[in-house]
Amino acid sequence: MSLKEGRWALAAGVVVHLLMLLSLRGQFLNPLFVEARDSHGQAADYFGIYAAGDHLVHGRSIYQTNAGGNGATEDVPYSYFYRYLPPTAYVAALSSLFLSPWTGYLVWVIATELLLLLAVRGILRFPGARGADRRLQAGIWLGFLPFYLEQWMGQFSLLMAFFLWTILRGAETGRSAGMREAPPGKGGLIAWAASIALKSYTALFALSYLRRGWIRPVLYAAGLVILSCAPYYLARPEDLGTFLELNLGLFPGEIYPGTLGLSAFVRQAGWCLPDELASRRLALAGLDVSVGNLPVVAANLLILGLSVWIVLRHGRRCSMTLQISLWVLAFFLIFKDVWEYHYVMLLPVLSVLALRYRSPLIPWLALALALPTPYLLVADRQGGLTQIGSLIQHASKALPTLALFIWVVATARREANRGTGARGPIGSRAATLP
């Protein structure tokens, strides 16, 4: 690697990160992000979680819709709705008891900075990888521009990324010592359970663990999550249905410029058909689907089916690192509401794959995901988007993610066929797959 073995990449990451911190006050980076331009205001997502904690303290539903048109309450000036499991509200309840909303937000910003630095420290000490590669990945973490939106909105994607980093790093520990892969240890198990309680989609890892015969970790994690959620849902059983509807409901009526998963991109492409055709309703297997939504339904079924097939067919022989990455990427490709700050959760996947497999493709995909979308370039003066502009906007994040998913699927198949995935340490033939 040129540029003095990655040192310039690390220095550039530090400079960009300092600019992001300064912009939290000056907000000069906001025009780059559609969600920052159209948001209720800074910390709107954090205030939504803070309000859920306040609802819990006062015996109200954590999913209660705030009275104000922009989510305002007596405690917060504005907020978005709460869509998480109860444990996040438990922590928010403590915050609402002891901190004002803005003070809590400041504490949260500091906490995310500390978590980021811990992850960067772990990357710089990643075993078996070249120093240049470690410094490049550390620079990407520090300069990852969606992290600015994460902090400005007050989201929890970095916390989820830290959990994923802990899980993936644990999966690599034994391999770096030349040992066979083992079930997640205590730290990895707690991180996995915490990630399910926070964002839920990591429950998909259970299929890969069960394919390996690792039943006990699945039971332990499921028990921890159930024990943490059961008291609330037993007291308010109707809220379980609300949680499921918020997260597993049908596609929203409008395709927002800020939703940047493959699902939104394919949906946007489907609705480029003539209006009469796109809006025509079809009854398929009991589902009422518009023609314009057929492509995204087909794409989601294909991605989910391919992921399940890889695990069932090759799950015993390809590495757990690849399988965890597969499920994380599948979430980004099929979930209906993937926002730009969510891409912070891809950082541990990008870094661990890059450091282990040394593919020249992954750093370029990481760079594409680290940059803001071209929204500022394709939007008109009022912030609107044409059909072509909307496709470009959505493609900027969706297509690099899809490319990484395809790379993981292909690598998993090759690794399984060579029989090196469950044993080979970093530096083995499995670590040099293209």
Protein backbone atom coordinates (compact mmCIF):
# COMPACT_ATOMS: atom_id res chain seq x y z
CA MET A 1 0.00 0.00 0.00
CA SER A 2 1.26 3.45 -0.88
CA LEU A 3 0.63 6.71 0.97
CA LYS A 4 3.20 5.75 3.59
CA GLU A 5 1.58 2.45 4.48
CA GLY A 6 -1.85 3.80 5.36
CA ARG A 7 -0.72 6.66 7.60
CA TRP A 8 -2.24 9.30 5.33
CA ALA A 9 -5.55 7.42 5.37
CA LEU A 10 -5.52 7.44 9.17
CA ALA A 11 -4.60 11.12 9.28
CA ALA A 12 -7.37 11.97 6.79
CA GLY A 13 -9.84 10.07 8.96
CA VAL A 14 -8.82 12.08 12.00
CA VAL A 15 -9.23 15.39 10.13
CA VAL A 16 -12.67 14.44 8.76
CA HIS A 17 -13.76 13.29 12.20
CA LEU A 18 -12.76 16.60 13.76
CA LEU A 19 -14.80 18.40 11.09
CA MET A 20 -17.79 16.21 11.95
CA LEU A 21 -17.48 17.12 15.63
CA LEU A 22 -17.26 20.83 14.80
CA SER A 23 -20.32 20.52 12.54
CA LEU A 24 -22.42 19.18 15.43
CA ARG A 25 -22.41 22.78 16.60
CA GLY A 26 -21.95 24.71 13.35
CA GLN A 27 -24.05 22.31 11.22
CA PHE A 28 -22.12 23.17 8.06
CA LEU A 29 -22.21 19.51 6.93
CA ASN A 30 -25.99 19.29 7.14
CA PRO A 31 -26.67 20.17 3.46
CA LEU A 32 -24.92 16.92 2.48
CA PHE A 33 -27.58 14.79 4.19
CA VAL A 34 -31.21 14.73 3.15
CA GLU A 35 -32.32 13.66 6.63
CA ALA A 36 -30.48 16.51 8.33
CA ARG A 37 -32.14 18.96 5.93
CA ASP A 38 -35.66 17.59 6.50
CA SER A 39 -35.43 16.53 10.14
CA HIS A 40 -37.45 17.98 13.02
CA GLY A 41 -34.08 19.10 14.39
CA GLN A 42 -30.84 17.98 15.98
CA ALA A 43 -31.16 15.02 18.38
CA ALA A 44 -34.70 14.22 17.16
CA ASP A 45 -34.11 10.46 17.30
CA TYR A 46 -32.47 10.67 20.72
CA PHE A 47 -35.40 12.71 22.00
CA GLY A 48 -37.77 10.00 20.78
CA ILE A 49 -35.93 7.43 22.89
CA TYR A 50 -35.70 9.87 25.79
CA ALA A 51 -39.49 10.41 25.57
CA ALA A 52 -40.05 6.64 25.61
CA GLY A 53 -38.07 6.46 28.84
CA ASP A 54 -40.15 9.26 30.28
CA HIS A 55 -43.35 7.44 29.27
CA LEU A 56 -42.09 4.32 31.03
CA VAL A 57 -41.31 6.22 34.22
CA HIS A 58 -44.85 7.67 34.27
CA GLY A 59 -46.60 4.39 33.51
CA ARG A 60 -47.45 5.10 29.88
CA SER A 61 -46.78 3.04 26.78
CA ILE A 62 -43.25 3.44 25.43
CA TYR A 63 -44.81 3.37 21.93
CA GLN A 64 -47.20 6.18 22.73
CA THR A 65 -47.38 8.74 19.95
CA ASN A 66 -46.36 12.12 21.26
CA ALA A 67 -49.08 14.75 21.18
CA GLY A 68 -47.29 17.46 19.24
CA GLY A 69 -47.28 17.46 15.45
CA ASN A 70 -43.51 17.09 15.50
CA GLY A 71 -43.42 14.77 18.50
CA ALA A 72 -43.17 17.56 21.06
CA THR A 73 -43.94 16.89 24.73
CA GLU A 74 -43.44 18.81 27.95
CA ASP A 75 -39.94 17.33 28.11
CA VAL A 76 -38.68 17.36 24.52
CA PRO A 77 -39.13 20.07 21.87
CA TYR A 78 -39.54 17.50 19.06
CA SER A 79 -38.92 13.80 18.46
CA TYR A 80 -39.51 10.79 16.24
CA PHE A 81 -41.49 7.74 17.30
CA TYR A 82 -40.03 4.86 19.31
CA ARG A 83 -39.84 1.46 17.54
CA TYR A 84 -37.44 -0.61 19.69
CA LEU A 85 -37.80 -3.40 22.23
CA PRO A 86 -38.26 -2.36 25.90
CA PRO A 87 -34.60 -2.62 27.10
CA THR A 88 -33.65 0.56 25.24
CA ALA A 89 -36.47 2.37 27.02
CA TYR A 90 -35.23 1.00 30.38
CA VAL A 91 -31.89 2.78 29.85
CA ALA A 92 -33.66 5.88 28.53
CA ALA A 93 -35.80 5.93 31.68
CA LEU A 94 -32.66 6.38 33.78
CA SER A 95 -31.58 9.20 31.50
CA SER A 96 -34.96 10.93 31.81
CA LEU A 97 -34.80 10.70 35.59
CA PHE A 98 -31.40 12.31 36.03
CA LEU A 99 -30.64 14.33 32.89
CA SER A 100 -32.40 16.97 30.84
CA PRO A 101 -32.90 16.06 27.15
CA TRP A 102 -30.05 18.20 25.87
CA THR A 103 -27.67 17.13 28.64
CA GLY A 104 -28.55 13.51 27.94
CA TYR A 105 -27.83 14.06 24.26
CA LEU A 106 -24.43 15.56 25.08
CA VAL A 107 -23.59 12.58 27.31
CA TRP A 108 -24.69 10.28 24.50
CA VAL A 109 -22.37 12.05 22.00
CA ILE A 110 -19.44 11.63 24.37
CA ALA A 111 -20.30 7.97 24.93
CA THR A 112 -20.41 7.26 21.19
CA GLU A 113 -17.02 8.94 20.76
CA LEU A 114 -15.55 6.69 23.43
CA LEU A 115 -17.07 3.58 21.82
CA LEU A 116 -15.69 4.65 18.45
CA LEU A 117 -12.21 5.08 19.91
CA LEU A 118 -12.40 1.65 21.54
CA ALA A 119 -13.32 0.09 18.19
CA VAL A 120 -10.50 1.96 16.42
CA ARG A 121 -8.07 0.75 19.07
CA GLY A 122 -9.21 -2.82 18.43
CA ILE A 123 -8.75 -2.41 14.67
CA LEU A 124 -5.22 -1.08 15.11
CA ARG A 125 -4.45 -4.22 17.17
CA PHE A 126 -6.23 -6.69 14.89
CA PRO A 127 -4.04 -9.84 14.83
CA GLY A 128 -2.60 -11.27 11.65
CA ALA A 129 -3.29 -8.18 9.50
CA ARG A 130 -0.77 -5.82 7.96
CA GLY A 131 -0.22 -2.51 9.72
CA ALA A 132 -1.09 -0.60 6.55
CA ASP A 133 -4.45 -2.36 6.29
CA ARG A 134 -5.21 -1.75 9.96
CA ARG A 135 -4.46 1.97 9.65
CA LEU A 136 -6.60 2.24 6.50
CA GLN A 137 -9.57 0.63 8.26
CA ALA A 138 -9.10 2.82 11.34
CA GLY A 139 -9.13 5.86 9.07
CA ILE A 140 -12.38 4.69 7.46
CA TRP A 141 -14.05 4.33 10.87
CA LEU A 142 -12.96 7.83 11.92
CA GLY A 143 -13.88 9.49 8.62
CA PHE A 144 -17.11 7.60 7.94
CA LEU A 145 -19.43 10.51 7.14
CA PRO A 146 -22.76 8.75 7.93
CA PHE A 147 -21.49 8.74 11.52
CA TYR A 148 -21.99 12.51 11.53
CA LEU A 149 -25.68 12.00 10.74
CA GLU A 150 -25.79 9.29 13.42
CA GLN A 151 -24.58 11.75 16.04
CA TRP A 152 -26.60 14.68 14.76
CA MET A 153 -29.82 12.64 14.86
CA GLY A 154 -28.97 10.94 18.15
CA GLN A 155 -29.16 7.39 16.83
CA PHE A 156 -27.79 4.09 18.19
CA SER A 157 -26.17 2.54 15.12
CA LEU A 158 -22.67 3.01 16.54
CA LEU A 159 -23.64 1.09 19.68
CA MET A 160 -24.97 -1.68 17.43
CA ALA A 161 -21.75 -1.54 15.40
CA PHE A 162 -19.77 -1.99 18.62
CA PHE A 163 -21.83 -5.08 19.48
CA LEU A 164 -21.23 -6.45 15.97
CA TRP A 165 -17.53 -5.68 16.25
CA THR A 166 -17.39 -7.63 19.52
CA ILE A 167 -19.18 -10.61 17.93
CA LEU A 168 -17.03 -10.62 14.79
CA ARG A 169 -13.81 -10.05 16.72
CA GLY A 170 -14.69 -13.00 18.94
CA ALA A 171 -15.28 -15.16 15.87
CA GLU A 172 -11.81 -14.25 14.62
CA THR A 173 -9.91 -14.73 17.91
CA GLY A 174 -9.65 -18.50 17.74
CA ARG A 175 -8.87 -18.45 14.04
CA SER A 176 -5.98 -16.04 14.51
CA ALA A 177 -4.46 -18.57 16.92
CA GLY A 178 -4.93 -21.40 14.40
CA MET A 179 -7.74 -23.07 16.35
CA ARG A 180 -11.08 -24.38 15.15
CA GLU A 181 -14.01 -22.02 15.36
CA ALA A 182 -15.85 -22.25 18.65
CA PRO A 183 -19.25 -21.02 19.86
CA PRO A 184 -19.34 -17.39 21.01
CA GLY A 185 -17.76 -16.84 24.41
CA LYS A 186 -19.28 -14.92 27.28
CA GLY A 187 -18.49 -11.50 25.80
CA GLY A 188 -19.75 -12.43 22.35
CA LEU A 189 -22.89 -14.00 23.79
CA ILE A 190 -23.75 -10.90 25.83
CA ALA A 191 -23.02 -8.68 22.82
CA TRP A 192 -25.28 -10.83 20.64
CA ALA A 193 -28.16 -10.75 23.13
CA ALA A 194 -27.73 -6.98 23.56
CA SER A 195 -27.75 -6.48 19.79
CA ILE A 196 -31.02 -8.42 19.48
CA ALA A 197 -32.55 -6.31 22.24
CA LEU A 198 -31.41 -3.14 20.46
CA LYS A 199 -32.05 -3.76 16.74
CA SER A 200 -33.48 -7.33 16.62
CA TYR A 201 -32.26 -8.35 13.15
CA THR A 202 -29.19 -10.11 14.57
CA ALA A 203 -31.57 -12.83 15.76
CA LEU A 204 -30.93 -14.17 12.23
CA PHE A 205 -27.48 -15.30 13.42
CA ALA A 206 -29.27 -18.11 15.26
CA LEU A 207 -29.73 -20.03 12.01
CA SER A 208 -25.96 -20.12 11.46
CA TYR A 209 -25.25 -21.08 15.07
CA LEU A 210 -27.84 -23.86 14.97
CA ARG A 211 -26.39 -25.13 11.68
CA ARG A 212 -23.12 -25.62 13.55
CA GLY A 213 -24.93 -27.37 16.37
CA TRP A 214 -24.31 -24.51 18.80
CA ILE A 215 -27.65 -24.82 20.53
CA ARG A 216 -26.68 -23.58 23.99
CA PRO A 217 -25.65 -20.03 22.91
CA VAL A 218 -28.94 -19.65 21.05
CA LEU A 219 -30.91 -20.71 24.11
CA TYR A 220 -28.90 -18.42 26.39
CA ALA A 221 -29.29 -15.39 24.11
CA ALA A 222 -33.00 -16.04 23.60
CA GLY A 223 -33.43 -16.39 27.36
CA LEU A 224 -31.66 -13.10 28.06
CA VAL A 225 -33.76 -11.21 25.53
CA ILE A 226 -37.03 -12.76 26.67
CA LEU A 227 -36.26 -12.10 30.34
CA SER A 228 -35.45 -8.46 29.58
CA CYS A 229 -38.61 -7.88 27.50
CA ALA A 230 -41.17 -10.10 29.23
CA PRO A 231 -41.91 -7.88 32.26
CA TYR A 232 -42.95 -4.98 30.03
CA TYR A 233 -44.99 -7.00 27.55
CA LEU A 234 -46.72 -8.95 30.30
CA ALA A 235 -47.84 -5.62 31.75
CA ARG A 236 -48.79 -4.25 28.31
CA PRO A 237 -49.43 -7.20 25.95
CA GLU A 238 -50.98 -4.94 23.30
CA ASP A 239 -47.61 -3.22 22.83
CA LEU A 240 -46.04 -6.38 21.43
CA GLY A 241 -48.36 -6.07 18.44
CA THR A 242 -47.42 -2.40 18.12
CA PHE A 243 -43.71 -3.29 18.05
CA LEU A 244 -44.26 -5.93 15.35
CA GLU A 245 -46.39 -3.59 13.25
CA LEU A 246 -43.82 -0.79 13.44
CA ASN A 247 -40.98 -3.03 12.31
CA LEU A 248 -42.54 -5.73 10.17
CA GLY A 249 -45.41 -3.85 8.58
CA LEU A 250 -45.90 -3.33 4.85
CA PHE A 251 -43.96 -0.83 2.78
CA PRO A 252 -44.70 2.82 3.52
CA GLY A 253 -46.82 4.60 0.94
CA GLU A 254 -44.05 7.05 0.09
CA ILE A 255 -40.46 6.27 -0.88
CA TYR A 256 -38.41 8.74 1.13
CA PRO A 257 -35.13 10.11 -0.28
CA GLY A 258 -33.47 9.25 3.05
CA THR A 259 -34.29 5.51 2.96
CA LEU A 260 -31.26 4.03 1.24
CA GLY A 261 -31.53 0.25 1.37
CA LEU A 262 -31.82 -1.90 -1.74
CA SER A 263 -35.51 -2.34 -0.96
CA ALA A 264 -36.15 1.38 -1.51
CA PHE A 265 -34.01 1.43 -4.66
CA VAL A 266 -35.81 -1.53 -6.28
CA ARG A 267 -39.16 -0.11 -5.23
CA GLN A 268 -38.28 3.21 -6.82
CA ALA A 269 -37.29 1.39 -10.01
CA GLY A 270 -40.56 -0.58 -9.98
CA TRP A 271 -42.59 2.61 -9.74
CA CYS A 272 -40.83 4.04 -12.79
CA LEU A 273 -43.28 1.95 -14.80
CA PRO A 274 -46.27 3.81 -16.28
CA ASP A 275 -48.63 4.83 -13.47
CA GLU A 276 -51.55 2.74 -14.73
CA LEU A 277 -49.44 -0.41 -14.75
CA ALA A 278 -47.46 0.27 -11.54
CA SER A 279 -50.59 0.96 -9.49
CA ARG A 280 -52.51 -2.10 -10.71
CA ARG A 281 -53.27 -4.48 -7.82
CA LEU A 282 -52.59 -8.21 -7.99
CA ALA A 283 -53.80 -10.85 -5.54
CA LEU A 284 -50.93 -13.27 -5.06
CA ALA A 285 -51.21 -16.09 -2.50
CA GLY A 286 -53.53 -13.97 -0.41
CA LEU A 287 -51.34 -10.84 -0.66
CA ASP A 288 -52.60 -7.69 -2.33
CA VAL A 289 -49.53 -6.38 -4.18
CA SER A 290 -49.15 -3.50 -6.60
CA VAL A 291 -47.32 -4.24 -9.84
CA GLY A 292 -44.85 -1.49 -8.91
CA ASN A 293 -43.98 -3.41 -5.73
CA LEU A 294 -43.54 -6.81 -7.39
CA PRO A 295 -39.82 -6.29 -8.14
CA VAL A 296 -38.98 -5.51 -4.50
CA VAL A 297 -41.01 -8.49 -3.26
CA ALA A 298 -39.14 -10.76 -5.69
CA ALA A 299 -35.76 -9.23 -4.78
CA ASN A 300 -36.37 -9.63 -1.05
CA LEU A 301 -37.44 -13.25 -1.43
CA LEU A 302 -34.37 -13.96 -3.58
CA ILE A 303 -31.94 -12.38 -1.11
CA LEU A 304 -33.49 -14.05 1.91
CA GLY A 305 -33.71 -17.41 0.13
CA LEU A 306 -30.10 -17.19 -1.04
CA SER A 307 -28.92 -16.35 2.48
CA VAL A 308 -30.80 -19.31 3.97
CA TRP A 309 -29.45 -21.59 1.23
CA ILE A 310 -25.85 -20.55 1.86
CA VAL A 311 -26.19 -21.30 5.58
CA LEU A 312 -27.99 -24.61 5.13
CA ARG A 313 -25.71 -25.79 2.33
CA HIS A 314 -22.35 -24.40 3.44
CA GLY A 315 -22.85 -23.30 7.05
CA ARG A 316 -20.70 -26.06 8.52
CA ARG A 317 -17.71 -25.31 6.29
CA CYS A 318 -17.62 -21.56 5.62
CA SER A 319 -16.48 -19.21 8.38
CA MET A 320 -18.83 -17.72 10.92
CA THR A 321 -17.38 -14.32 10.02
CA LEU A 322 -18.80 -14.69 6.51
CA GLN A 323 -22.15 -15.94 7.78
CA ILE A 324 -22.58 -13.09 10.27
CA SER A 325 -21.63 -10.64 7.52
CA LEU A 326 -24.15 -12.31 5.22
CA TRP A 327 -27.04 -11.77 7.65
CA VAL A 328 -26.08 -8.15 8.37
CA LEU A 329 -25.95 -7.40 4.66
CA ALA A 330 -29.24 -9.23 4.07
CA PHE A 331 -30.89 -6.89 6.58
CA PHE A 332 -29.60 -3.86 4.70
CA LEU A 333 -30.90 -5.26 1.42
CA ILE A 334 -34.41 -6.30 2.47
CA PHE A 335 -35.48 -4.02 5.33
CA LYS A 336 -37.92 -1.31 4.32
CA ASP A 337 -36.45 1.52 6.43
CA VAL A 338 -32.66 1.68 6.02
CA TRP A 339 -31.51 5.24 6.65
CA GLU A 340 -28.10 6.71 5.89
CA TYR A 341 -26.90 6.61 9.49
CA HIS A 342 -27.69 2.87 9.61
CA TYR A 343 -24.65 2.26 7.40
CA VAL A 344 -22.49 2.85 10.46
CA MET A 345 -23.52 -0.71 11.38
CA LEU A 346 -21.64 -1.99 8.31
CA LEU A 347 -18.29 -0.72 9.59
CA PRO A 348 -17.36 -3.87 11.56
CA VAL A 349 -18.34 -6.08 8.62
CA LEU A 350 -16.30 -4.02 6.18
CA SER A 351 -13.24 -3.93 8.44
CA VAL A 352 -13.16 -7.56 9.51
CA LEU A 353 -13.67 -8.79 5.94
CA ALA A 354 -11.00 -6.41 4.64
CA LEU A 355 -8.46 -7.35 7.31
CA ARG A 356 -9.03 -11.06 7.02
CA TYR A 357 -9.53 -11.61 3.30
CA ARG A 358 -7.45 -8.71 1.92
CA SER A 359 -9.66 -8.27 -1.11
CA PRO A 360 -8.87 -5.04 -3.01
CA LEU A 361 -12.59 -4.60 -3.65
CA ILE A 362 -13.70 -4.11 -0.04
CA PRO A 363 -11.80 -0.86 0.73
CA TRP A 364 -13.34 0.72 -2.40
CA LEU A 365 -16.81 -0.36 -1.32
CA ALA A 366 -16.08 1.03 2.14
CA LEU A 367 -15.06 4.34 0.59
CA ALA A 368 -18.31 4.47 -1.43
CA LEU A 369 -20.32 3.88 1.74
CA ALA A 370 -18.24 6.36 3.75
CA LEU A 371 -19.09 9.26 1.44
CA PRO A 372 -22.42 11.09 1.65
CA THR A 373 -25.03 10.45 -1.01
CA PRO A 374 -25.07 12.68 -4.13
CA TYR A 375 -28.28 14.31 -2.87
CA LEU A 376 -26.78 17.81 -2.93
CA LEU A 377 -25.87 17.33 -6.59
CA VAL A 378 -29.09 15.75 -7.89
CA ALA A 379 -31.73 17.64 -5.89
CA ASP A 380 -33.37 20.79 -7.22
CA ARG A 381 -33.34 24.11 -5.34
CA GLN A 382 -36.38 23.08 -3.29
CA GLY A 383 -34.76 19.77 -2.33
CA GLY A 384 -36.95 17.69 -4.65
CA LEU A 385 -35.77 14.77 -6.78
CA THR A 386 -36.71 13.63 -10.26
CA GLN A 387 -37.15 9.91 -10.91
CA ILE A 388 -33.60 9.68 -12.24
CA GLY A 389 -32.25 11.74 -9.36
CA SER A 390 -34.06 9.52 -6.87
CA LEU A 391 -32.62 6.38 -8.47
CA ILE A 392 -29.11 7.84 -8.29
CA GLN A 393 -29.68 8.86 -4.67
CA HIS A 394 -30.82 5.39 -3.62
CA ALA A 395 -28.26 3.54 -5.73
CA SER A 396 -25.32 5.33 -4.07
CA LYS A 397 -25.65 3.14 -0.96
CA ALA A 398 -27.74 0.20 -2.15
CA LEU A 399 -25.48 -0.95 -4.99
CA PRO A 400 -22.19 -1.05 -3.02
CA THR A 401 -24.02 -3.03 -0.33
CA LEU A 402 -25.39 -5.43 -2.93
CA ALA A 403 -21.89 -5.83 -4.41
CA LEU A 404 -20.51 -6.73 -0.97
CA PHE A 405 -23.35 -9.23 -0.44
CA ILE A 406 -22.54 -10.92 -3.76
CA TRP A 407 -18.84 -11.01 -2.79
CA VAL A 408 -19.69 -12.64 0.57
CA VAL A 409 -21.93 -15.25 -1.10
CA ALA A 410 -19.26 -16.12 -3.67
CA THR A 411 -16.50 -16.23 -1.06
CA ALA A 412 -18.58 -18.41 1.26
CA ARG A 413 -19.12 -20.94 -1.52
CA ARG A 414 -15.43 -21.04 -2.46
CA GLU A 415 -14.34 -21.26 1.16
CA ALA A 416 -16.76 -24.10 1.88
CA ASN A 417 -15.68 -26.03 -1.21
CA ARG A 418 -12.04 -25.75 -0.13
CA GLY A 419 -12.95 -26.86 3.37
CA THR A 420 -10.85 -24.15 5.08
CA GLY A 421 -13.52 -21.89 6.51
CA ALA A 422 -14.07 -23.47 9.92
CA ARG A 423 -10.40 -24.02 10.66
CA GLY A 424 -7.98 -21.87 8.74
CA PRO A 425 -6.36 -18.94 10.60
CA ILE A 426 -5.72 -15.54 9.16
CA GLY A 427 -2.93 -15.84 6.64
CA SER A 428 -4.11 -19.24 5.41
CA ARG A 429 -5.26 -19.88 1.87
CA ALA A 430 -8.80 -18.98 2.94
CA ALA A 431 -7.56 -15.56 3.94
CA THR A 432 -6.40 -14.75 0.43
CA LEU A 433 -9.58 -15.38 -1.47
CA PRO A 434 -10.29 -12.58 -3.95
